[in-house]
C-alpha atoms as a PDB file:
ATOM      1  CA  MET A   1     127.499 164.805 145.774  1.00  0.00           C
ATOM      2  CA  ILE A   2     124.804 163.531 143.374  1.00  0.00           C
ATOM      3  CA  ARG A   3     124.394 160.929 140.689  1.00  0.00           C
ATOM      4  CA  VAL A   4     122.906 161.584 137.292  1.00  0.00           C
ATOM      5  CA  ASP A   5     121.559 158.718 135.181  1.00  0.00           C
ATOM      6  CA  ALA A   6     120.265 158.638 131.614  1.00  0.00           C
ATOM      7  CA  ALA A   7     117.205 156.747 132.868  1.00  0.00           C
ATOM      8  CA  THR A   8     116.353 159.546 135.295  1.00  0.00           C
ATOM      9  CA  VAL A   9     116.826 162.300 132.715  1.00  0.00           C
ATOM     10  CA  LEU A  10     114.660 160.495 130.161  1.00  0.00           C
ATOM     11  CA  LEU A  11     111.914 159.882 132.732  1.00  0.00           C
ATOM     12  CA  GLN A  12     112.049 163.546 133.766  1.00  0.00           C
ATOM     13  CA  TRP A  13     111.775 164.647 130.165  1.00  0.00           C
ATOM     14  CA  ALA A  14     108.839 162.336 129.434  1.00  0.00           C
ATOM     15  CA  ALA A  15     106.980 163.284 132.630  1.00  0.00           C
ATOM     16  CA  GLY A  16     107.457 167.025 132.143  1.00  0.00           C
ATOM     17  CA  GLY A  17     106.524 166.876 128.476  1.00  0.00           C
ATOM     18  CA  LEU A  18     103.357 164.891 129.138  1.00  0.00           C
ATOM     19  CA  PHE A  19     102.333 167.239 131.944  1.00  0.00           C
ATOM     20  CA  PHE A  20     102.636 170.272 129.701  1.00  0.00           C
ATOM     21  CA  LEU A  21     100.793 168.387 126.963  1.00  0.00           C
ATOM     22  CA  TRP A  22      97.816 168.293 129.338  1.00  0.00           C
ATOM     23  CA  PHE A  23      98.489 171.954 130.183  1.00  0.00           C
ATOM     24  CA  THR A  24      97.839 172.760 126.512  1.00  0.00           C
ATOM     25  CA  THR A  25      95.173 170.219 125.520  1.00  0.00           C
ATOM     26  CA  ARG A  26      92.951 170.879 128.538  1.00  0.00           C
ATOM     27  CA  ARG A  27      91.557 173.911 126.704  1.00  0.00           C
ATOM     28  CA  ARG A  28      90.330 171.691 123.824  1.00  0.00           C
ATOM     29  CA  VAL A  29      91.570 173.973 121.058  1.00  0.00           C
ATOM     30  CA  VAL A  30      94.758 172.360 119.720  1.00  0.00           C
ATOM     31  CA  GLY A  31      94.091 169.703 117.063  1.00  0.00           C
ATOM     32  CA  VAL A  32      94.193 165.984 117.847  1.00  0.00           C
ATOM     33  CA  GLY A  33      97.369 165.499 115.802  1.00  0.00           C
ATOM     34  CA  TYR A  34      99.390 167.567 118.261  1.00  0.00           C
ATOM     35  CA  GLY A  35      98.461 165.149 121.006  1.00  0.00           C
ATOM     36  CA  TRP A  36      99.430 162.186 118.821  1.00  0.00           C
ATOM     37  CA  LEU A  37     102.829 163.728 118.136  1.00  0.00           C
ATOM     38  CA  LEU A  38     103.652 164.411 121.777  1.00  0.00           C
ATOM     39  CA  ARG A  39     102.191 161.220 123.238  1.00  0.00           C
ATOM     40  CA  GLY A  40     104.135 159.145 120.730  1.00  0.00           C
ATOM     41  CA  THR A  41     107.350 161.054 121.362  1.00  0.00           C
ATOM     42  CA  TYR A  42     107.199 160.875 125.150  1.00  0.00           C
ATOM     43  CA  LEU A  43     106.025 157.271 125.078  1.00  0.00           C
ATOM     44  CA  LEU A  44     109.292 156.404 123.318  1.00  0.00           C
ATOM     45  CA  LEU A  45     111.279 158.458 125.837  1.00  0.00           C
ATOM     46  CA  ALA A  46     109.629 156.591 128.723  1.00  0.00           C
ATOM     47  CA  VAL A  47     110.457 153.256 127.077  1.00  0.00           C
ATOM     48  CA  ALA A  48     114.042 154.451 126.597  1.00  0.00           C
ATOM     49  CA  ALA A  49     114.150 155.464 130.274  1.00  0.00           C
ATOM     50  CA  ALA A  50     113.191 151.947 131.357  1.00  0.00           C
ATOM     51  CA  ALA A  51     115.690 150.393 128.934  1.00  0.00           C
ATOM     52  CA  ALA A  52     118.490 152.664 130.163  1.00  0.00           C
ATOM     53  CA  GLY A  53     117.694 151.796 133.760  1.00  0.00           C
ATOM     54  CA  PHE A  54     117.810 148.069 133.133  1.00  0.00           C
ATOM     55  CA  GLN A  55     121.033 148.463 131.157  1.00  0.00           C
ATOM     56  CA  PHE A  56     123.044 150.823 133.335  1.00  0.00           C
ATOM     57  CA  GLY A  57     121.771 150.355 136.884  1.00  0.00           C
ATOM     58  CA  VAL A  58     118.347 149.352 138.104  1.00  0.00           C
ATOM     59  CA  VAL A  59     116.327 151.480 140.495  1.00  0.00           C
ATOM     60  CA  PRO A  60     113.224 149.239 140.707  1.00  0.00           C
ATOM     61  CA  VAL A  61     110.639 151.923 141.489  1.00  0.00           C
ATOM     62  CA  ARG A  62     112.006 154.231 138.789  1.00  0.00           C
ATOM     63  CA  GLU A  63     111.960 151.527 136.121  1.00  0.00           C
ATOM     64  CA  ALA A  64     108.459 150.408 137.123  1.00  0.00           C
ATOM     65  CA  SER A  65     107.344 154.033 136.951  1.00  0.00           C
ATOM     66  CA  SER A  66     108.885 154.454 133.484  1.00  0.00           C
ATOM     67  CA  ILE A  67     106.967 151.414 132.223  1.00  0.00           C
ATOM     68  CA  ALA A  68     103.763 152.766 133.799  1.00  0.00           C
ATOM     69  CA  VAL A  69     104.301 156.163 132.135  1.00  0.00           C
ATOM     70  CA  ALA A  70     104.819 154.512 128.738  1.00  0.00           C
ATOM     71  CA  THR A  71     101.688 152.405 129.243  1.00  0.00           C
ATOM     72  CA  ALA A  72      99.574 155.408 130.278  1.00  0.00           C
ATOM     73  CA  ALA A  73     100.829 157.427 127.296  1.00  0.00           C
ATOM     74  CA  PHE A  74      99.995 154.519 124.983  1.00  0.00           C
ATOM     75  CA  VAL A  75      96.476 154.200 126.418  1.00  0.00           C
ATOM     76  CA  ALA A  76      95.897 157.956 126.005  1.00  0.00           C
ATOM     77  CA  LEU A  77      97.208 157.774 122.441  1.00  0.00           C
ATOM     78  CA  LEU A  78      94.953 154.826 121.657  1.00  0.00           C
ATOM     79  CA  VAL A  79      91.872 156.567 123.073  1.00  0.00           C
ATOM     80  CA  SER A  80      92.632 159.740 121.116  1.00  0.00           C
ATOM     81  CA  VAL A  81      92.940 157.749 117.876  1.00  0.00           C
ATOM     82  CA  VAL A  82      89.677 155.883 118.513  1.00  0.00           C
ATOM     83  CA  ARG A  83      87.833 159.143 119.259  1.00  0.00           C
ATOM     84  CA  ARG A  84      89.502 161.210 116.540  1.00  0.00           C
ATOM     85  CA  LYS A  85      86.272 161.695 114.527  1.00  0.00           C
ATOM     86  CA  ALA A  86      84.722 163.636 117.406  1.00  0.00           C
ATOM     87  CA  GLY A  87      87.390 166.269 116.818  1.00  0.00           C
ATOM     88  CA  VAL A  88      88.162 169.042 119.286  1.00  0.00           C
ATOM     89  CA  SER A  89      85.245 171.266 120.270  1.00  0.00           C
ATOM     90  CA  GLY A  90      87.313 174.378 120.853  1.00  0.00           C
ATOM     91  CA  GLN A  91      89.039 174.059 117.492  1.00  0.00           C
ATOM     92  CA  THR A  92      85.668 173.722 115.745  1.00  0.00           C
ATOM     93  CA  ASP A  93      84.220 176.700 117.618  1.00  0.00           C
ATOM     94  CA  GLU A  94      87.271 178.806 116.742  1.00  0.00           C
ATOM     95  CA  HIS A  95      86.853 177.899 113.062  1.00  0.00           C
ATOM     96  CA  ASP A  96      83.205 178.956 113.117  1.00  0.00           C
ATOM     97  CA  ARG A  97      84.013 182.203 114.923  1.00  0.00           C
ATOM     98  CA  ARG A  98      86.627 183.138 112.334  1.00  0.00           C
ATOM     99  CA  SER A  99      84.280 182.189 109.490  1.00  0.00           C
ATOM    100  CA  GLU A 100      81.581 184.459 110.870  1.00  0.00           C
ATOM    101  CA  ARG A 101      84.056 187.337 111.165  1.00  0.00           C
ATOM    102  CA  VAL A 102      85.230 186.874 107.563  1.00  0.00           C
ATOM    103  CA  ALA A 103      81.614 186.733 106.379  1.00  0.00           C
ATOM    104  CA  ALA A 104      80.797 189.949 108.261  1.00  0.00           C
ATOM    105  CA  MET A 105      83.805 191.747 106.772  1.00  0.00           C
ATOM    106  CA  THR A 106      83.542 190.540 103.160  1.00  0.00           C
ATOM    107  CA  GLY A 107      79.960 189.409 102.719  1.00  0.00           C
ATOM    108  CA  ILE A 108      81.247 186.026 101.532  1.00  0.00           C
ATOM    109  CA  GLU A 109      79.460 183.237 103.327  1.00  0.00           C
ATOM    110  CA  ARG A 110      81.560 180.347 104.600  1.00  0.00           C
ATOM    111  CA  GLY A 111      80.197 177.052 105.838  1.00  0.00           C
ATOM    112  CA  VAL A 112      80.527 176.021 109.455  1.00  0.00           C
ATOM    113  CA  ALA A 113      82.851 173.203 110.388  1.00  0.00           C
ATOM    114  CA  GLN A 114      81.344 169.758 110.212  1.00  0.00           C
ATOM    115  CA  ARG A 115      80.644 168.258 113.619  1.00  0.00           C
ATOM    116  CA  HIS A 116      80.727 164.541 114.241  1.00  0.00           C
ATOM    117  CA  GLY A 117      78.924 162.773 117.023  1.00  0.00           C
ATOM    118  CA  GLY A 118      80.569 160.806 119.808  1.00  0.00           C
ATOM    119  CA  HIS A 119      82.725 161.645 122.764  1.00  0.00           C
ATOM    120  CA  GLU A 120      85.883 163.717 122.509  1.00  0.00           C
ATOM    121  CA  PHE A 121      89.193 162.642 123.925  1.00  0.00           C
ATOM    122  CA  PRO A 122      89.207 163.577 127.652  1.00  0.00           C
ATOM    123  CA  PRO A 123      92.364 165.662 128.314  1.00  0.00           C
ATOM    124  CA  VAL A 124      92.499 164.406 131.910  1.00  0.00           C
ATOM    125  CA  LEU A 125      93.913 161.151 130.506  1.00  0.00           C
ATOM    126  CA  ASP A 126      97.099 163.060 129.711  1.00  0.00           C
ATOM    127  CA  LEU A 127      97.553 163.672 133.438  1.00  0.00           C
ATOM    128  CA  MET A 128      97.783 159.977 134.278  1.00  0.00           C
ATOM    129  CA  ALA A 129     101.291 159.495 132.899  1.00  0.00           C
ATOM    130  CA  PRO A 130     102.869 162.428 134.812  1.00  0.00           C
ATOM    131  CA  LEU A 131     101.181 161.258 138.013  1.00  0.00           C
ATOM    132  CA  LEU A 132     102.566 157.753 137.513  1.00  0.00           C
ATOM    133  CA  ALA A 133     106.022 159.289 137.033  1.00  0.00           C
ATOM    134  CA  ILE A 134     106.055 160.811 140.534  1.00  0.00           C
ATOM    135  CA  PRO A 135     107.086 157.648 142.463  1.00  0.00           C
ATOM    136  CA  GLY A 136     109.861 156.998 139.957  1.00  0.00           C
ATOM    137  CA  LEU A 137     111.176 160.546 140.185  1.00  0.00           C
ATOM    138  CA  VAL A 138     111.122 160.389 143.987  1.00  0.00           C
ATOM    139  CA  ALA A 139     113.031 157.077 143.903  1.00  0.00           C
ATOM    140  CA  ALA A 140     115.515 158.536 141.425  1.00  0.00           C
ATOM    141  CA  SER A 141     116.030 161.572 143.686  1.00  0.00           C
ATOM    142  CA  TYR A 142     116.750 159.326 146.645  1.00  0.00           C
ATOM    143  CA  ASP A 143     119.145 157.209 144.568  1.00  0.00           C
ATOM    144  CA  ALA A 144     120.975 160.326 143.343  1.00  0.00           C
ATOM    145  CA  GLY A 145     122.356 160.925 146.833  1.00  0.00           C
ATOM    146  CA  GLY A 146     123.160 164.200 148.543  1.00  0.00           C
ATOM    147  CA  ASN A 147     120.597 166.280 150.373  1.00  0.00           C
ATOM    148  CA  LEU A 148     117.198 164.700 149.684  1.00  0.00           C
ATOM    149  CA  PHE A 149     115.275 167.995 149.551  1.00  0.00           C
ATOM    150  CA  VAL A 150     117.744 169.480 147.064  1.00  0.00           C
ATOM    151  CA  SER A 151     117.731 166.293 145.014  1.00  0.00           C
ATOM    152  CA  LEU A 152     113.918 166.270 144.857  1.00  0.00           C
ATOM    153  CA  LEU A 153     113.822 169.939 143.904  1.00  0.00           C
ATOM    154  CA  ARG A 154     116.362 169.404 141.141  1.00  0.00           C
ATOM    155  CA  THR A 155     114.555 166.367 139.787  1.00  0.00           C
ATOM    156  CA  PHE A 156     111.070 167.875 139.642  1.00  0.00           C
ATOM    157  CA  ALA A 157     112.223 171.328 138.542  1.00  0.00           C
ATOM    158  CA  GLY A 158     114.306 169.694 135.824  1.00  0.00           C
ATOM    159  CA  ALA A 159     111.297 167.695 134.629  1.00  0.00           C
ATOM    160  CA  ALA A 160     109.172 170.848 134.355  1.00  0.00           C
ATOM    161  CA  PHE A 161     112.036 172.802 132.781  1.00  0.00           C
ATOM    162  CA  LEU A 162     112.807 170.267 130.042  1.00  0.00           C
ATOM    163  CA  GLY A 163     109.133 169.484 129.424  1.00  0.00           C
ATOM    164  CA  SER A 164     107.982 173.079 129.071  1.00  0.00           C
ATOM    165  CA  VAL A 165     110.739 174.156 126.686  1.00  0.00           C
ATOM    166  CA  THR A 166     110.301 171.079 124.482  1.00  0.00           C
ATOM    167  CA  ASP A 167     106.513 171.411 124.299  1.00  0.00           C
ATOM    168  CA  ALA A 168     106.785 175.112 123.534  1.00  0.00           C
ATOM    169  CA  MET A 169     109.075 174.427 120.578  1.00  0.00           C
ATOM    170  CA  LEU A 170     106.835 171.627 119.259  1.00  0.00           C
ATOM    171  CA  LEU A 171     103.695 173.729 119.677  1.00  0.00           C
ATOM    172  CA  GLY A 172     105.360 176.537 117.753  1.00  0.00           C
ATOM    173  CA  HIS A 173     105.771 174.148 114.835  1.00  0.00           C
ATOM    174  CA  TRP A 174     102.147 173.065 115.148  1.00  0.00           C
ATOM    175  CA  TYR A 175     101.038 176.511 114.000  1.00  0.00           C
ATOM    176  CA  LEU A 176     102.147 175.436 110.503  1.00  0.00           C
ATOM    177  CA  VAL A 177      99.542 172.672 110.675  1.00  0.00           C
ATOM    178  CA  GLN A 178      96.883 174.722 112.466  1.00  0.00           C
ATOM    179  CA  PRO A 179      97.548 178.358 111.474  1.00  0.00           C
ATOM    180  CA  GLY A 180      94.338 179.656 113.069  1.00  0.00           C
ATOM    181  CA  LEU A 181      95.414 178.494 116.517  1.00  0.00           C
ATOM    182  CA  PRO A 182      95.328 181.433 118.973  1.00  0.00           C
ATOM    183  CA  ARG A 183      98.753 182.553 120.175  1.00  0.00           C
ATOM    184  CA  ARG A 184      97.715 182.460 123.800  1.00  0.00           C
ATOM    185  CA  HIS A 185      98.492 178.726 123.948  1.00  0.00           C
ATOM    186  CA  LEU A 186     102.108 179.242 122.945  1.00  0.00           C
ATOM    187  CA  ASN A 187     102.285 182.282 125.216  1.00  0.00           C
ATOM    188  CA  ASP A 188     101.077 180.138 128.121  1.00  0.00           C
ATOM    189  CA  LEU A 189     103.885 177.621 127.597  1.00  0.00           C
ATOM    190  CA  VAL A 190     106.537 180.310 127.256  1.00  0.00           C
ATOM    191  CA  ARG A 191     105.216 181.989 130.402  1.00  0.00           C
ATOM    192  CA  ALA A 192     105.337 178.644 132.248  1.00  0.00           C
ATOM    193  CA  LEU A 193     108.947 178.197 131.138  1.00  0.00           C
ATOM    194  CA  GLY A 194     109.708 181.648 132.520  1.00  0.00           C
ATOM    195  CA  PHE A 195     108.229 180.676 135.900  1.00  0.00           C
ATOM    196  CA  VAL A 196     110.085 177.347 136.050  1.00  0.00           C
ATOM    197  CA  TRP A 197     113.461 178.875 135.101  1.00  0.00           C
ATOM    198  CA  PRO A 198     114.250 180.556 138.471  1.00  0.00           C
ATOM    199  CA  VAL A 199     113.256 177.399 140.373  1.00  0.00           C
ATOM    200  CA  GLU A 200     115.644 175.362 138.214  1.00  0.00           C
ATOM    201  CA  ILE A 201     118.473 177.849 138.724  1.00  0.00           C
ATOM    202  CA  ILE A 202     117.962 178.060 142.487  1.00  0.00           C
ATOM    203  CA  ALA A 203     117.901 174.254 142.718  1.00  0.00           C
ATOM    204  CA  LEU A 204     121.232 174.012 140.944  1.00  0.00           C
ATOM    205  CA  LEU A 205     122.800 176.742 143.052  1.00  0.00           C
ATOM    206  CA  LEU A 206     121.837 175.215 146.397  1.00  0.00           C
ATOM    207  CA  PRO A 207     124.718 173.455 148.210  1.00  0.00           C
ATOM    208  CA  ILE A 208     126.460 171.513 146.959  1.00  0.00           C
ATOM    209  CA  GLY A 209     125.826 173.417 143.746  1.00  0.00           C
ATOM    210  CA  MET A 210     127.277 175.681 141.115  1.00  0.00           C
ATOM    211  CA  PHE A 211     128.624 178.199 143.646  1.00  0.00           C
ATOM    212  CA  SER A 212     131.012 175.439 144.692  1.00  0.00           C
ATOM    213  CA  VAL A 213     132.238 175.149 141.106  1.00  0.00           C
ATOM    214  CA  TRP A 214     132.980 178.862 140.899  1.00  0.00           C
ATOM    215  CA  SER A 215     134.718 178.861 144.276  1.00  0.00           C
ATOM    216  CA  GLY A 216     136.898 175.951 143.207  1.00  0.00           C
ATOM    217  CA  SER A 217     135.753 173.530 145.906  1.00  0.00           C
ATOM    218  CA  VAL A 218     134.228 171.372 143.153  1.00  0.00           C
ATOM    219  CA  ASN A 219     136.556 170.659 140.244  1.00  0.00           C
ATOM    220  CA  ASP A 220     134.810 170.669 136.863  1.00  0.00           C
ATOM    221  CA  GLY A 221     137.924 169.319 135.142  1.00  0.00           C
ATOM    222  CA  TRP A 222     138.257 172.400 132.946  1.00  0.00           C
ATOM    223  CA  GLY A 223     139.621 174.970 135.350  1.00  0.00           C
ATOM    224  CA  GLY A 224     136.168 176.405 136.073  1.00  0.00           C
ATOM    225  CA  GLN A 225     135.261 176.982 132.428  1.00  0.00           C
ATOM    226  CA  LEU A 226     132.292 174.609 132.533  1.00  0.00           C
ATOM    227  CA  GLY A 227     130.884 176.557 135.454  1.00  0.00           C
ATOM    228  CA  TRP A 228     130.900 179.744 133.409  1.00  0.00           C
ATOM    229  CA  PHE A 229     129.518 177.860 130.415  1.00  0.00           C
ATOM    230  CA  TRP A 230     126.615 176.790 132.638  1.00  0.00           C
ATOM    231  CA  ALA A 231     126.049 180.403 133.709  1.00  0.00           C
ATOM    232  CA  ALA A 232     125.990 181.499 130.064  1.00  0.00           C
ATOM    233  CA  CYS A 233     123.414 178.788 129.244  1.00  0.00           C
ATOM    234  CA  ALA A 234     121.248 179.756 132.214  1.00  0.00           C
ATOM    235  CA  ILE A 235     121.251 183.476 131.399  1.00  0.00           C
ATOM    236  CA  THR A 236     120.770 182.914 127.669  1.00  0.00           C
ATOM    237  CA  THR A 237     117.749 180.701 128.305  1.00  0.00           C
ATOM    238  CA  MET A 238     115.982 183.473 130.182  1.00  0.00           C
ATOM    239  CA  VAL A 239     116.983 186.044 127.553  1.00  0.00           C
ATOM    240  CA  LEU A 240     115.464 183.800 124.884  1.00  0.00           C
ATOM    241  CA  VAL A 241     112.251 183.497 126.911  1.00  0.00           C
ATOM    242  CA  VAL A 242     111.977 187.290 127.135  1.00  0.00           C
ATOM    243  CA  VAL A 243     112.726 187.761 123.419  1.00  0.00           C
ATOM    244  CA  THR A 244     110.232 185.038 122.487  1.00  0.00           C
ATOM    245  CA  LYS A 245     107.519 186.809 124.488  1.00  0.00           C
ATOM    246  CA  ALA A 246     108.353 190.022 122.660  1.00  0.00           C
ATOM    247  CA  ALA A 247     108.215 188.292 119.267  1.00  0.00           C
ATOM    248  CA  LEU A 248     104.768 186.887 120.021  1.00  0.00           C
ATOM    249  CA  LYS A 249     103.442 190.402 120.565  1.00  0.00           C
ATOM    250  CA  GLU A 250     103.945 191.181 116.872  1.00  0.00           C
ATOM    251  CA  ARG A 251     100.798 190.850 114.791  1.00  0.00           C
ATOM    252  CA  TYR A 252     102.324 189.159 111.754  1.00  0.00           C
ATOM    253  CA  TYR A 253     102.105 185.388 111.431  1.00  0.00           C
ATOM    254  CA  SER A 254     105.861 185.240 110.825  1.00  0.00           C
ATOM    255  CA  ALA A 255     106.300 186.258 114.483  1.00  0.00           C
ATOM    256  CA  VAL A 256     105.165 182.773 115.528  1.00  0.00           C
ATOM    257  CA  MET A 257     107.835 181.213 113.307  1.00  0.00           C
ATOM    258  CA  ALA A 258     110.433 183.587 114.734  1.00  0.00           C
ATOM    259  CA  ALA A 259     109.376 182.576 118.234  1.00  0.00           C
ATOM    260  CA  THR A 260     109.699 178.911 117.277  1.00  0.00           C
ATOM    261  CA  GLY A 261     113.233 179.501 116.034  1.00  0.00           C
ATOM    262  CA  LEU A 262     114.122 181.197 119.306  1.00  0.00           C
ATOM    263  CA  LEU A 263     112.683 178.220 121.183  1.00  0.00           C
ATOM    264  CA  TYR A 264     114.961 175.935 119.179  1.00  0.00           C
ATOM    265  CA  LEU A 265     117.881 177.817 120.689  1.00  0.00           C
ATOM    266  CA  ALA A 266     116.212 177.764 124.110  1.00  0.00           C
ATOM    267  CA  ILE A 267     116.127 173.959 124.025  1.00  0.00           C
ATOM    268  CA  LEU A 268     119.895 173.870 123.529  1.00  0.00           C
ATOM    269  CA  THR A 269     120.586 176.335 126.310  1.00  0.00           C
ATOM    270  CA  ALA A 270     117.999 174.725 128.626  1.00  0.00           C
ATOM    271  CA  PHE A 271     119.599 171.321 128.259  1.00  0.00           C
ATOM    272  CA  GLY A 272     122.961 172.947 128.823  1.00  0.00           C
ATOM    273  CA  THR A 273     121.591 174.537 131.983  1.00  0.00           C
ATOM    274  CA  ASP A 274     120.234 171.294 133.388  1.00  0.00           C
ATOM    275  CA  LEU A 275     122.620 168.605 132.193  1.00  0.00           C
ATOM    276  CA  VAL A 276     125.938 170.446 132.370  1.00  0.00           C
ATOM    277  CA  ALA A 277     125.367 171.383 135.989  1.00  0.00           C
ATOM    278  CA  ARG A 278     124.330 167.909 137.017  1.00  0.00           C
ATOM    279  CA  ALA A 279     127.221 166.310 135.124  1.00  0.00           C
ATOM    280  CA  ILE A 280     129.697 168.599 136.911  1.00  0.00           C
ATOM    281  CA  LEU A 281     128.165 167.981 140.324  1.00  0.00           C
ATOM    282  CA  ALA A 282     128.114 164.241 139.709  1.00  0.00           C
ATOM    283  CA  GLY A 283     131.822 164.239 138.831  1.00  0.00           C
END
C-alpha cells in the first residue's frame, strides 16, 4: 500500500518545523535565541534524515534535498548569529511600549531598550530550507507507492502537522525566556495546528486508509486494536488543541505554561496519529 521510511519522516519533520519557524519569526517579535534553537534542532533532523536514507535505502532526490535543507538551515543560523547585535525590531518596540505603559500607570520612568545599528536577520531566509525540502518530499511520496495524490497529501500534511505541533510546544517554553512576548504568536501556531489536523486525518482515511483497518481488509496485527488506538490519538489531538486555545484565553501568565503542558501531550498524540497510521498501512 505505502512505504514509510525514517528518512522521509525526519525530512518531513525538519521541513514542517522550519516552515513554521518562518511563520513565527516573520513578525520580528520573537527573540533571536528562539530562531537559534529551532534552526539548530531542525538542522540536526535534516542531517539525520540524510544519514537514515543512505543507511536504510537511498532515494537520491530525497537525500540531496535533506542535505540542502541542512545547509540552508546552517546558513540561516550563521547569518542570525552574525547579525545578533541588531536584535529584533518588534521585540524592542514591544519592550518600549510596555515601559511607557508602566511609566504612565506608576509614574516610574523606565529607559528605552538599547538599539544597535546594522541589519537584522531577514526572516525570509527561514523559508529557503522548506522550499528546498519540496523536491525531496515529492520524491519520497513517489517512492512510498500507492496512489500518488494520496501519498503526496499524506507527506505534506504530515510535515505541516508534525512541524506545527513541535514549534507550538517549543514556543510555549520560550515564554519563560521572553515573558513579555504577546500570546498571539502562540495562538497563531495552535490555530495553524487546528487547521492542519483535518487535512491530516482526511489524508490518512483516504483509500487505502484507516477505514480499511476498521473493516478488517487491512490487518494491523493486533485484531484492529491499533486502528482504534489511532482514532483515540487523532481525537485527543484535536481535543488538546481546543483546550489549549481555551487556556490561552485566561489572563494569568500561568495559562501559557498550562498551554505548553497540553502541547507536550499533543506532540505525543500527534505523532501517534501520523506514525501509527502509516506504520499500519505500510505493514
